[in-house]
Amino acid sequence: MRIEIDPERDLLYIYFADTLTKAAQTVTVTEGVHADFDRDGKLIGIEVIEASKIMGEKIEFKLPELSAA
C-alpha cells in the first residue's frame, strides 16, 4: 500500500496495487471520494478530492502495531 498526498491540489490517493496498474472502472463512493478498480474488479486505489475538507484539516492515519513473532 502506498499513500500520496498533494497539498497544493488538496488530493489524497491510496494505492492498493502497483502504481502502474490502470483503472478500468471508477466508482464514486461519496462526493469527493472515488474508488478505482482494475479490469478484474479488484480495488486498486481510492482518491479523495478536497481531502482536507472531507477528512478534516489534519490528515492522520493510525495503523495497528505489529506484534513480534
N, C-alpha and C. Protein backbone atom coordinates (compact mmCIF):
# COMPACT_ATOMS: atom_id res chain seq x y z
N MET A 1 0.85 -1.17 0.00
CA MET A 1 0.00 0.00 0.00
C MET A 1 0.90 1.23 0.00
N ARG A 2 0.46 2.22 -0.75
CA ARG A 2 1.21 3.47 -0.85
C ARG A 2 0.20 4.62 -0.73
N ILE A 3 0.58 5.66 0.01
CA ILE A 3 -0.30 6.81 0.18
C ILE A 3 0.42 8.04 -0.35
N GLU A 4 -0.26 8.80 -1.19
CA GLU A 4 0.28 10.06 -1.71
C GLU A 4 -0.65 11.19 -1.33
N ILE A 5 -0.07 12.29 -0.89
CA ILE A 5 -0.83 13.49 -0.56
C ILE A 5 -0.27 14.63 -1.38
N ASP A 6 -1.15 15.35 -2.06
CA ASP A 6 -0.76 16.54 -2.83
C ASP A 6 -1.42 17.74 -2.15
N PRO A 7 -0.69 18.43 -1.26
CA PRO A 7 -1.29 19.53 -0.53
C PRO A 7 -1.68 20.72 -1.41
N GLU A 8 -0.98 20.92 -2.52
CA GLU A 8 -1.32 22.04 -3.40
C GLU A 8 -2.67 21.85 -4.06
N ARG A 9 -2.96 20.63 -4.50
CA ARG A 9 -4.25 20.33 -5.13
C ARG A 9 -5.25 19.75 -4.14
N ASP A 10 -4.81 19.55 -2.89
CA ASP A 10 -5.65 19.02 -1.82
C ASP A 10 -6.23 17.65 -2.18
N LEU A 11 -5.34 16.76 -2.66
CA LEU A 11 -5.73 15.41 -3.06
C LEU A 11 -5.02 14.37 -2.20
N LEU A 12 -5.69 13.27 -1.98
CA LEU A 12 -5.12 12.12 -1.29
C LEU A 12 -5.41 10.91 -2.16
N TYR A 13 -4.40 10.06 -2.36
CA TYR A 13 -4.61 8.83 -3.12
C TYR A 13 -3.97 7.69 -2.36
N ILE A 14 -4.74 6.62 -2.18
CA ILE A 14 -4.24 5.42 -1.52
C ILE A 14 -4.18 4.31 -2.57
N TYR A 15 -2.97 3.83 -2.82
CA TYR A 15 -2.75 2.75 -3.80
C TYR A 15 -2.77 1.40 -3.09
N PHE A 16 -3.54 0.46 -3.63
CA PHE A 16 -3.54 -0.91 -3.13
C PHE A 16 -2.89 -1.86 -4.12
N ALA A 17 -2.45 -1.34 -5.24
CA ALA A 17 -1.79 -2.12 -6.28
C ALA A 17 -0.60 -1.31 -6.78
N ASP A 18 0.15 -1.88 -7.67
CA ASP A 18 1.27 -1.19 -8.29
C ASP A 18 0.77 0.12 -8.91
N THR A 19 1.55 1.18 -8.80
CA THR A 19 1.13 2.48 -9.33
C THR A 19 0.95 2.49 -10.84
N LEU A 20 1.47 1.49 -11.54
CA LEU A 20 1.32 1.41 -12.99
C LEU A 20 0.03 0.71 -13.42
N THR A 21 -0.66 0.08 -12.46
CA THR A 21 -1.91 -0.60 -12.77
C THR A 21 -2.96 0.43 -13.17
N LYS A 22 -3.58 0.21 -14.31
CA LYS A 22 -4.58 1.15 -14.84
C LYS A 22 -5.98 0.82 -14.33
N ALA A 23 -6.73 1.86 -14.05
CA ALA A 23 -8.12 1.67 -13.61
C ALA A 23 -9.00 1.40 -14.82
N ALA A 24 -9.83 0.39 -14.71
CA ALA A 24 -10.80 0.08 -15.76
C ALA A 24 -12.16 0.67 -15.43
N GLN A 25 -12.38 0.93 -14.13
CA GLN A 25 -13.65 1.48 -13.69
C GLN A 25 -13.41 2.33 -12.45
N THR A 26 -14.09 3.47 -12.38
CA THR A 26 -14.06 4.34 -11.20
C THR A 26 -15.48 4.50 -10.69
N VAL A 27 -15.64 4.26 -9.39
CA VAL A 27 -16.95 4.35 -8.76
C VAL A 27 -16.90 5.47 -7.72
N THR A 28 -17.90 6.36 -7.75
CA THR A 28 -17.99 7.40 -6.75
C THR A 28 -18.61 6.80 -5.49
N VAL A 29 -17.84 6.80 -4.41
CA VAL A 29 -18.30 6.24 -3.14
C VAL A 29 -19.21 7.24 -2.44
N THR A 30 -18.75 8.46 -2.39
CA THR A 30 -19.50 9.60 -1.87
C THR A 30 -18.89 10.82 -2.53
N GLU A 31 -19.50 11.97 -2.39
CA GLU A 31 -18.98 13.17 -3.05
C GLU A 31 -17.51 13.39 -2.67
N GLY A 32 -16.64 13.42 -3.68
CA GLY A 32 -15.22 13.66 -3.47
C GLY A 32 -14.39 12.43 -3.17
N VAL A 33 -15.02 11.26 -3.07
CA VAL A 33 -14.29 10.02 -2.79
C VAL A 33 -14.59 9.02 -3.90
N HIS A 34 -13.53 8.56 -4.58
CA HIS A 34 -13.68 7.69 -5.74
C HIS A 34 -12.82 6.44 -5.57
N ALA A 35 -13.39 5.29 -5.90
CA ALA A 35 -12.67 4.02 -5.83
C ALA A 35 -12.36 3.55 -7.24
N ASP A 36 -11.11 3.18 -7.47
CA ASP A 36 -10.67 2.68 -8.77
C ASP A 36 -10.53 1.17 -8.72
N PHE A 37 -11.01 0.50 -9.78
CA PHE A 37 -10.95 -0.96 -9.89
C PHE A 37 -10.24 -1.34 -11.18
N ASP A 38 -9.50 -2.46 -11.15
CA ASP A 38 -8.86 -2.95 -12.36
C ASP A 38 -9.88 -3.72 -13.20
N ARG A 39 -9.45 -4.29 -14.31
CA ARG A 39 -10.38 -4.98 -15.22
C ARG A 39 -10.96 -6.26 -14.63
N ASP A 40 -10.33 -6.76 -13.55
CA ASP A 40 -10.86 -7.96 -12.88
C ASP A 40 -11.78 -7.60 -11.71
N GLY A 41 -12.01 -6.30 -11.50
CA GLY A 41 -12.88 -5.86 -10.42
C GLY A 41 -12.20 -5.72 -9.07
N LYS A 42 -10.88 -5.79 -9.05
CA LYS A 42 -10.12 -5.68 -7.81
C LYS A 42 -9.87 -4.20 -7.50
N LEU A 43 -10.09 -3.81 -6.24
CA LEU A 43 -9.84 -2.44 -5.82
C LEU A 43 -8.36 -2.15 -5.91
N ILE A 44 -8.01 -1.10 -6.67
CA ILE A 44 -6.60 -0.75 -6.81
C ILE A 44 -6.24 0.58 -6.17
N GLY A 45 -7.27 1.40 -5.84
CA GLY A 45 -6.95 2.66 -5.21
C GLY A 45 -8.18 3.46 -4.84
N ILE A 46 -7.97 4.41 -3.94
CA ILE A 46 -9.02 5.33 -3.52
C ILE A 46 -8.48 6.75 -3.63
N GLU A 47 -9.24 7.62 -4.27
CA GLU A 47 -8.86 9.02 -4.41
C GLU A 47 -9.83 9.88 -3.60
N VAL A 48 -9.27 10.83 -2.86
CA VAL A 48 -10.08 11.76 -2.09
C VAL A 48 -9.77 13.16 -2.60
N ILE A 49 -10.78 13.81 -3.19
CA ILE A 49 -10.66 15.17 -3.70
C ILE A 49 -11.10 16.12 -2.59
N GLU A 50 -10.41 17.23 -2.44
CA GLU A 50 -10.63 18.17 -1.33
C GLU A 50 -10.48 17.41 -0.01
N ALA A 51 -9.33 16.74 0.11
CA ALA A 51 -9.07 15.86 1.25
C ALA A 51 -9.19 16.56 2.59
N SER A 52 -8.69 17.79 2.70
CA SER A 52 -8.76 18.48 3.99
C SER A 52 -10.20 18.77 4.40
N LYS A 53 -11.08 19.00 3.42
CA LYS A 53 -12.49 19.25 3.70
C LYS A 53 -13.18 17.95 4.13
N ILE A 54 -12.89 16.87 3.42
CA ILE A 54 -13.55 15.59 3.68
C ILE A 54 -13.01 14.92 4.93
N MET A 55 -11.69 14.96 5.11
CA MET A 55 -11.08 14.25 6.23
C MET A 55 -10.76 15.14 7.42
N GLY A 56 -10.98 16.44 7.28
CA GLY A 56 -10.63 17.37 8.35
C GLY A 56 -9.32 18.05 8.03
N GLU A 57 -9.03 19.08 8.73
CA GLU A 57 -7.81 19.85 8.46
C GLU A 57 -6.54 19.04 8.69
N LYS A 58 -6.57 18.11 9.63
CA LYS A 58 -5.40 17.30 9.92
C LYS A 58 -5.66 15.89 9.42
N ILE A 59 -4.85 15.45 8.47
CA ILE A 59 -4.99 14.09 7.95
C ILE A 59 -4.07 13.20 8.76
N GLU A 60 -4.66 12.21 9.40
CA GLU A 60 -3.89 11.34 10.29
C GLU A 60 -4.37 9.91 10.11
N PHE A 61 -3.44 9.00 10.07
CA PHE A 61 -3.76 7.58 9.96
C PHE A 61 -3.14 6.86 11.14
N LYS A 62 -3.88 5.98 11.74
CA LYS A 62 -3.35 5.13 12.81
C LYS A 62 -3.36 3.71 12.30
N LEU A 63 -2.22 3.08 12.39
CA LEU A 63 -2.08 1.69 11.96
C LEU A 63 -1.82 0.82 13.18
N PRO A 64 -2.33 -0.39 13.17
CA PRO A 64 -2.09 -1.27 14.31
C PRO A 64 -0.62 -1.63 14.40
N GLU A 65 -0.15 -1.79 15.63
CA GLU A 65 1.24 -2.21 15.84
C GLU A 65 1.37 -3.68 15.49
N LEU A 66 2.50 -4.03 14.91
CA LEU A 66 2.77 -5.43 14.58
C LEU A 66 3.40 -6.09 15.79
N SER A 67 2.90 -7.25 16.15
CA SER A 67 3.48 -7.97 17.28
C SER A 67 4.70 -8.75 16.81
N ALA A 68 5.67 -8.85 17.68
CA ALA A 68 6.89 -9.60 17.34
C ALA A 68 6.57 -11.10 17.34
N ALA A 69 7.02 -11.77 16.31
CA ALA A 69 6.74 -13.21 16.20
C ALA A 69 7.83 -14.02 16.79
